[in-house]
Amino acid sequence: MRKLPLSFYLGNDVVKIARNLLGKVLVTNWNDEYTSGRIVETEAYAGETDKASHASKGRTARTDIMFSEGGKAYVYLCYGVHQMFNIVTNKEGIPDAILIRAVEPIDGIDIMLKRTGKMKPDGTLTRGPGNVGKAFGFHTSQCGLLLNSDELFIADDGFKISQSMIVTSPRIGVDYAGTHAEWHYRFFMKGSKYVSGKIK
């Protein structure tokens, strides 16, 4: 298993990167609590012109990290409860980002259960970005952390994913974005029980 180089995140096509993240392994190791899982669902957000993106309102204290060079974590609080893990991509000044919506657990399932308060490792453990945040121990204090650190990285373990395994759809929960809500910027692995939302 090798860490993805930071150059992986510097491409100018956030949609392509979001698709290519499927099948990769997310790893966190906070205070020697090691957890990992295969990414099975992502959503791309294309900078200031994308009305579904936080960056559509420009550079603010909240979105400042999105305008930095790709390869950093953007963790924000949703509804005052959920810690949402995103990946900043593209070059400095272009606020592209990818939300990790669902992960299939691999290592540290006992740690994930403790963090989420769940009793058994069923499909709800890491289904949806809020559960990913809980299970993997994300917190807004980690915003800006590089994705090649010992605490946080994404790796390629040789898992192969065919194009026939990838499904696209509009993003979830962005109806406020008008016609931009219809863009097929959500990618997920067909048949995974961890994928969030309703499968049409």
C-alpha atoms as a PDB file:
ATOM      1  CA  MET A   1       0.000   0.000   0.000  1.00  0.00           C
ATOM      2  CA  ARG A   2       1.497   3.349  -1.034  1.00  0.00           C
ATOM      3  CA  LYS A   3       0.404   6.852  -0.149  1.00  0.00           C
ATOM      4  CA  LEU A   4      -0.946   8.908  -3.011  1.00  0.00           C
ATOM      5  CA  PRO A   5       1.541  11.703  -3.775  1.00  0.00           C
ATOM      6  CA  LEU A   6       0.366  15.266  -3.248  1.00  0.00           C
ATOM      7  CA  SER A   7       0.614  15.717  -7.022  1.00  0.00           C
ATOM      8  CA  PHE A   8      -2.457  13.449  -7.324  1.00  0.00           C
ATOM      9  CA  TYR A   9      -4.573  16.265  -5.867  1.00  0.00           C
ATOM     10  CA  LEU A  10      -3.156  19.085  -7.997  1.00  0.00           C
ATOM     11  CA  GLY A  11      -4.956  18.255 -11.233  1.00  0.00           C
ATOM     12  CA  ASN A  12      -7.362  20.830 -12.670  1.00  0.00           C
ATOM     13  CA  ASP A  13     -10.264  18.375 -13.168  1.00  0.00           C
ATOM     14  CA  VAL A  14     -11.960  17.889  -9.794  1.00  0.00           C
ATOM     15  CA  VAL A  15     -14.559  15.582 -11.337  1.00  0.00           C
ATOM     16  CA  LYS A  16     -11.865  13.227 -12.632  1.00  0.00           C
ATOM     17  CA  ILE A  17     -10.103  13.218  -9.261  1.00  0.00           C
ATOM     18  CA  ALA A  18     -13.379  12.469  -7.447  1.00  0.00           C
ATOM     19  CA  ARG A  19     -13.931   9.497  -9.750  1.00  0.00           C
ATOM     20  CA  ASN A  20     -10.329   8.298  -9.342  1.00  0.00           C
ATOM     21  CA  LEU A  21     -10.601   8.344  -5.545  1.00  0.00           C
ATOM     22  CA  LEU A  22     -13.110   5.485  -5.654  1.00  0.00           C
ATOM     23  CA  GLY A  23     -11.404   2.305  -4.485  1.00  0.00           C
ATOM     24  CA  LYS A  24      -8.562   4.133  -2.745  1.00  0.00           C
ATOM     25  CA  VAL A  25      -7.954   3.629   0.987  1.00  0.00           C
ATOM     26  CA  LEU A  26      -8.544   6.397   3.539  1.00  0.00           C
ATOM     27  CA  VAL A  27      -6.285   6.101   6.598  1.00  0.00           C
ATOM     28  CA  THR A  28      -6.370   8.042   9.870  1.00  0.00           C
ATOM     29  CA  ASN A  29      -4.064   7.468  12.823  1.00  0.00           C
ATOM     30  CA  TRP A  30      -4.966   9.902  15.587  1.00  0.00           C
ATOM     31  CA  ASN A  31      -3.175   9.176  18.885  1.00  0.00           C
ATOM     32  CA  ASP A  32      -2.213   5.660  17.725  1.00  0.00           C
ATOM     33  CA  GLU A  33      -5.830   4.793  16.873  1.00  0.00           C
ATOM     34  CA  TYR A  34      -5.420   3.422  13.362  1.00  0.00           C
ATOM     35  CA  THR A  35      -8.460   3.194  11.095  1.00  0.00           C
ATOM     36  CA  SER A  36      -8.738   2.564   7.386  1.00  0.00           C
ATOM     37  CA  GLY A  37     -11.409   1.978   4.775  1.00  0.00           C
ATOM     38  CA  ARG A  38     -12.034   1.880   1.041  1.00  0.00           C
ATOM     39  CA  ILE A  39     -13.629   4.985  -0.445  1.00  0.00           C
ATOM     40  CA  VAL A  40     -16.907   4.025  -2.140  1.00  0.00           C
ATOM     41  CA  GLU A  41     -18.648   7.400  -2.618  1.00  0.00           C
ATOM     42  CA  THR A  42     -17.422  10.912  -3.429  1.00  0.00           C
ATOM     43  CA  GLU A  43     -18.822  14.268  -4.543  1.00  0.00           C
ATOM     44  CA  ALA A  44     -16.959  16.910  -6.537  1.00  0.00           C
ATOM     45  CA  TYR A  45     -17.351  20.664  -5.966  1.00  0.00           C
ATOM     46  CA  ALA A  46     -15.961  22.872  -8.714  1.00  0.00           C
ATOM     47  CA  GLY A  47     -14.787  26.144  -7.238  1.00  0.00           C
ATOM     48  CA  GLU A  48     -16.432  29.541  -7.177  1.00  0.00           C
ATOM     49  CA  THR A  49     -18.585  28.961 -10.252  1.00  0.00           C
ATOM     50  CA  ASP A  50     -20.283  25.918  -8.691  1.00  0.00           C
ATOM     51  CA  LYS A  51     -23.332  27.177  -6.792  1.00  0.00           C
ATOM     52  CA  ALA A  52     -23.351  24.007  -4.651  1.00  0.00           C
ATOM     53  CA  SER A  53     -19.842  24.756  -3.372  1.00  0.00           C
ATOM     54  CA  HIS A  54     -19.064  26.655  -0.170  1.00  0.00           C
ATOM     55  CA  ALA A  55     -16.607  28.647  -2.296  1.00  0.00           C
ATOM     56  CA  SER A  56     -19.406  30.070  -4.456  1.00  0.00           C
ATOM     57  CA  LYS A  57     -19.710  32.911  -1.933  1.00  0.00           C
ATOM     58  CA  GLY A  58     -16.018  33.716  -2.218  1.00  0.00           C
ATOM     59  CA  ARG A  59     -13.118  33.530   0.183  1.00  0.00           C
ATOM     60  CA  THR A  60     -14.231  33.624   3.819  1.00  0.00           C
ATOM     61  CA  ALA A  61     -12.753  32.494   7.126  1.00  0.00           C
ATOM     62  CA  ARG A  62     -14.524  29.173   6.621  1.00  0.00           C
ATOM     63  CA  THR A  63     -13.510  28.606   3.001  1.00  0.00           C
ATOM     64  CA  ASP A  64      -9.975  30.015   3.137  1.00  0.00           C
ATOM     65  CA  ILE A  65      -8.458  26.512   3.181  1.00  0.00           C
ATOM     66  CA  MET A  66     -10.267  25.698  -0.084  1.00  0.00           C
ATOM     67  CA  PHE A  67      -8.209  28.371  -1.863  1.00  0.00           C
ATOM     68  CA  SER A  68      -4.906  26.793  -0.856  1.00  0.00           C
ATOM     69  CA  GLU A  69      -2.922  24.289  -2.924  1.00  0.00           C
ATOM     70  CA  GLY A  70      -4.492  20.850  -3.257  1.00  0.00           C
ATOM     71  CA  GLY A  71      -3.633  17.933  -1.010  1.00  0.00           C
ATOM     72  CA  LYS A  72      -5.017  19.314   2.247  1.00  0.00           C
ATOM     73  CA  ALA A  73      -7.961  18.364   4.434  1.00  0.00           C
ATOM     74  CA  TYR A  74     -11.004  20.636   4.608  1.00  0.00           C
ATOM     75  CA  VAL A  75     -13.064  19.611   7.629  1.00  0.00           C
ATOM     76  CA  TYR A  76     -16.199  21.589   8.431  1.00  0.00           C
ATOM     77  CA  LEU A  77     -19.031  21.288  10.914  1.00  0.00           C
ATOM     78  CA  CYS A  78     -22.469  20.542   9.479  1.00  0.00           C
ATOM     79  CA  TYR A  79     -25.647  21.305  11.474  1.00  0.00           C
ATOM     80  CA  GLY A  80     -23.410  21.841  14.504  1.00  0.00           C
ATOM     81  CA  VAL A  81     -22.961  18.060  14.789  1.00  0.00           C
ATOM     82  CA  HIS A  82     -21.250  16.352  11.855  1.00  0.00           C
ATOM     83  CA  GLN A  83     -17.546  16.722  11.045  1.00  0.00           C
ATOM     84  CA  MET A  84     -17.390  16.511   7.244  1.00  0.00           C
ATOM     85  CA  PHE A  85     -14.117  15.457   5.612  1.00  0.00           C
ATOM     86  CA  ASN A  86     -13.258  17.012   2.261  1.00  0.00           C
ATOM     87  CA  ILE A  87     -10.139  17.048   0.122  1.00  0.00           C
ATOM     88  CA  VAL A  88      -8.844  20.289  -1.385  1.00  0.00           C
ATOM     89  CA  THR A  89      -7.683  19.900  -5.002  1.00  0.00           C
ATOM     90  CA  ASN A  90      -6.236  21.977  -7.843  1.00  0.00           C
ATOM     91  CA  LYS A  91      -3.624  24.743  -7.604  1.00  0.00           C
ATOM     92  CA  GLU A  92      -3.604  27.616  -5.121  1.00  0.00           C
ATOM     93  CA  GLY A  93      -6.398  30.115  -5.723  1.00  0.00           C
ATOM     94  CA  ILE A  94      -8.835  27.643  -7.298  1.00  0.00           C
ATOM     95  CA  PRO A  95     -11.126  26.302  -4.527  1.00  0.00           C
ATOM     96  CA  ASP A  96     -12.020  22.847  -5.825  1.00  0.00           C
ATOM     97  CA  ALA A  97     -12.861  20.187  -3.239  1.00  0.00           C
ATOM     98  CA  ILE A  98     -14.169  16.652  -2.898  1.00  0.00           C
ATOM     99  CA  LEU A  99     -16.466  15.409  -0.144  1.00  0.00           C
ATOM    100  CA  ILE A 100     -15.895  11.833   1.006  1.00  0.00           C
ATOM    101  CA  ARG A 101     -19.439  10.536   1.433  1.00  0.00           C
ATOM    102  CA  ALA A 102     -18.959   6.844   2.237  1.00  0.00           C
ATOM    103  CA  VAL A 103     -16.215   4.347   3.067  1.00  0.00           C
ATOM    104  CA  GLU A 104     -16.102   0.557   3.447  1.00  0.00           C
ATOM    105  CA  PRO A 105     -14.287  -0.205   6.741  1.00  0.00           C
ATOM    106  CA  ILE A 106     -11.082  -2.262   6.660  1.00  0.00           C
ATOM    107  CA  ASP A 107      -9.005  -1.701   9.828  1.00  0.00           C
ATOM    108  CA  GLY A 108      -9.920  -0.438  13.287  1.00  0.00           C
ATOM    109  CA  ILE A 109     -13.596  -1.360  13.189  1.00  0.00           C
ATOM    110  CA  ASP A 110     -13.647  -1.623  16.990  1.00  0.00           C
ATOM    111  CA  ILE A 111     -12.398   1.975  17.172  1.00  0.00           C
ATOM    112  CA  MET A 112     -15.064   3.084  14.709  1.00  0.00           C
ATOM    113  CA  LEU A 113     -17.784   1.430  16.770  1.00  0.00           C
ATOM    114  CA  LYS A 114     -16.565   3.197  19.909  1.00  0.00           C
ATOM    115  CA  ARG A 115     -16.459   6.575  18.177  1.00  0.00           C
ATOM    116  CA  THR A 116     -19.906   6.252  16.619  1.00  0.00           C
ATOM    117  CA  GLY A 117     -21.613   4.548  19.555  1.00  0.00           C
ATOM    118  CA  LYS A 118     -22.878   1.795  17.277  1.00  0.00           C
ATOM    119  CA  MET A 119     -23.175  -1.785  18.518  1.00  0.00           C
ATOM    120  CA  LYS A 120     -22.384  -3.702  15.334  1.00  0.00           C
ATOM    121  CA  PRO A 121     -20.445  -3.041  12.120  1.00  0.00           C
ATOM    122  CA  ASP A 122     -23.331  -2.960   9.679  1.00  0.00           C
ATOM    123  CA  GLY A 123     -23.726  -0.782   6.611  1.00  0.00           C
ATOM    124  CA  THR A 124     -24.607   2.308   8.649  1.00  0.00           C
ATOM    125  CA  LEU A 125     -21.183   2.478  10.323  1.00  0.00           C
ATOM    126  CA  THR A 126     -19.539   4.575   7.612  1.00  0.00           C
ATOM    127  CA  ARG A 127     -22.474   5.363   5.324  1.00  0.00           C
ATOM    128  CA  GLY A 128     -22.801   9.079   4.692  1.00  0.00           C
ATOM    129  CA  PRO A 129     -20.279  11.863   5.362  1.00  0.00           C
ATOM    130  CA  GLY A 130     -21.400  12.434   8.952  1.00  0.00           C
ATOM    131  CA  ASN A 131     -20.706   8.819   9.851  1.00  0.00           C
ATOM    132  CA  VAL A 132     -17.390   8.880   7.991  1.00  0.00           C
ATOM    133  CA  GLY A 133     -16.406  11.889  10.090  1.00  0.00           C
ATOM    134  CA  LYS A 134     -17.313  10.152  13.354  1.00  0.00           C
ATOM    135  CA  ALA A 135     -15.850   6.748  12.527  1.00  0.00           C
ATOM    136  CA  PHE A 136     -12.549   8.133  11.312  1.00  0.00           C
ATOM    137  CA  GLY A 137     -12.181  10.651  14.123  1.00  0.00           C
ATOM    138  CA  PHE A 138     -12.303  13.832  12.071  1.00  0.00           C
ATOM    139  CA  HIS A 139     -12.497  17.258  13.699  1.00  0.00           C
ATOM    140  CA  THR A 140     -12.369  20.809  12.371  1.00  0.00           C
ATOM    141  CA  SER A 141      -9.040  21.257  14.185  1.00  0.00           C
ATOM    142  CA  GLN A 142      -7.516  18.993  11.495  1.00  0.00           C
ATOM    143  CA  CYS A 143      -8.453  21.431   8.728  1.00  0.00           C
ATOM    144  CA  GLY A 144      -5.383  22.144   6.611  1.00  0.00           C
ATOM    145  CA  LEU A 145      -3.553  18.913   7.432  1.00  0.00           C
ATOM    146  CA  LEU A 146      -1.572  17.557   4.493  1.00  0.00           C
ATOM    147  CA  LEU A 147      -2.785  14.290   3.012  1.00  0.00           C
ATOM    148  CA  ASN A 148       0.650  12.671   3.103  1.00  0.00           C
ATOM    149  CA  SER A 149       1.124  12.883   6.871  1.00  0.00           C
ATOM    150  CA  ASP A 150       1.428   9.917   9.222  1.00  0.00           C
ATOM    151  CA  GLU A 151      -1.901  10.882  10.796  1.00  0.00           C
ATOM    152  CA  LEU A 152      -3.909  11.240   7.604  1.00  0.00           C
ATOM    153  CA  PHE A 153      -3.392   9.929   4.095  1.00  0.00           C
ATOM    154  CA  ILE A 154      -5.050   8.187   1.178  1.00  0.00           C
ATOM    155  CA  ALA A 155      -3.360   5.155  -0.324  1.00  0.00           C
ATOM    156  CA  ASP A 156      -3.453   2.854  -3.319  1.00  0.00           C
ATOM    157  CA  ASP A 157      -3.403  -0.809  -2.281  1.00  0.00           C
ATOM    158  CA  GLY A 158      -3.652  -2.146  -5.825  1.00  0.00           C
ATOM    159  CA  PHE A 159      -7.431  -2.549  -5.787  1.00  0.00           C
ATOM    160  CA  LYS A 160      -8.745  -2.307  -9.351  1.00  0.00           C
ATOM    161  CA  ILE A 161     -12.077  -0.722 -10.151  1.00  0.00           C
ATOM    162  CA  SER A 162     -13.628  -1.007 -13.597  1.00  0.00           C
ATOM    163  CA  GLN A 163     -15.689   1.741 -15.215  1.00  0.00           C
ATOM    164  CA  SER A 164     -18.723  -0.571 -15.086  1.00  0.00           C
ATOM    165  CA  MET A 165     -18.499  -0.496 -11.266  1.00  0.00           C
ATOM    166  CA  ILE A 166     -18.825   3.315 -11.143  1.00  0.00           C
ATOM    167  CA  VAL A 167     -22.224   5.018 -11.003  1.00  0.00           C
ATOM    168  CA  THR A 168     -22.783   8.766 -11.311  1.00  0.00           C
ATOM    169  CA  SER A 169     -25.674  10.886 -10.084  1.00  0.00           C
ATOM    170  CA  PRO A 170     -26.561  14.420  -9.003  1.00  0.00           C
ATOM    171  CA  ARG A 171     -25.155  15.414  -5.625  1.00  0.00           C
ATOM    172  CA  ILE A 172     -27.198  14.984  -2.453  1.00  0.00           C
ATOM    173  CA  GLY A 173     -28.723  17.832  -0.432  1.00  0.00           C
ATOM    174  CA  VAL A 174     -27.807  20.721  -2.741  1.00  0.00           C
ATOM    175  CA  ASP A 175     -31.227  21.628  -4.143  1.00  0.00           C
ATOM    176  CA  TYR A 176     -30.495  25.282  -3.321  1.00  0.00           C
ATOM    177  CA  ALA A 177     -27.913  25.286  -6.149  1.00  0.00           C
ATOM    178  CA  GLY A 178     -30.527  25.468  -8.894  1.00  0.00           C
ATOM    179  CA  THR A 179     -29.481  23.845 -12.159  1.00  0.00           C
ATOM    180  CA  HIS A 180     -26.068  23.097 -10.635  1.00  0.00           C
ATOM    181  CA  ALA A 181     -27.796  20.586  -8.363  1.00  0.00           C
ATOM    182  CA  GLU A 182     -28.451  18.485 -11.456  1.00  0.00           C
ATOM    183  CA  TRP A 183     -24.767  18.028 -12.314  1.00  0.00           C
ATOM    184  CA  HIS A 184     -23.609  14.409 -12.119  1.00  0.00           C
ATOM    185  CA  TYR A 185     -20.738  15.155  -9.747  1.00  0.00           C
ATOM    186  CA  ARG A 186     -21.464  12.287  -7.347  1.00  0.00           C
ATOM    187  CA  PHE A 187     -19.645   8.991  -7.867  1.00  0.00           C
ATOM    188  CA  PHE A 188     -20.181   5.702  -6.088  1.00  0.00           C
ATOM    189  CA  MET A 189     -19.330   2.016  -6.358  1.00  0.00           C
ATOM    190  CA  LYS A 190     -22.199  -0.113  -7.608  1.00  0.00           C
ATOM    191  CA  GLY A 191     -23.441  -2.660  -5.083  1.00  0.00           C
ATOM    192  CA  SER A 192     -21.706  -1.272  -1.991  1.00  0.00           C
ATOM    193  CA  LYS A 193     -23.913  -1.438   1.102  1.00  0.00           C
ATOM    194  CA  TYR A 194     -22.115   1.617   2.480  1.00  0.00           C
ATOM    195  CA  VAL A 195     -23.260   4.029  -0.244  1.00  0.00           C
ATOM    196  CA  SER A 196     -25.489   6.777   1.146  1.00  0.00           C
ATOM    197  CA  GLY A 197     -28.737   8.180  -0.183  1.00  0.00           C
ATOM    198  CA  LYS A 198     -31.387   6.392  -2.175  1.00  0.00           C
ATOM    199  CA  ILE A 199     -30.285   4.310  -5.126  1.00  0.00           C
ATOM    200  CA  LYS A 200     -32.574   5.012  -8.083  1.00  0.00           C
END
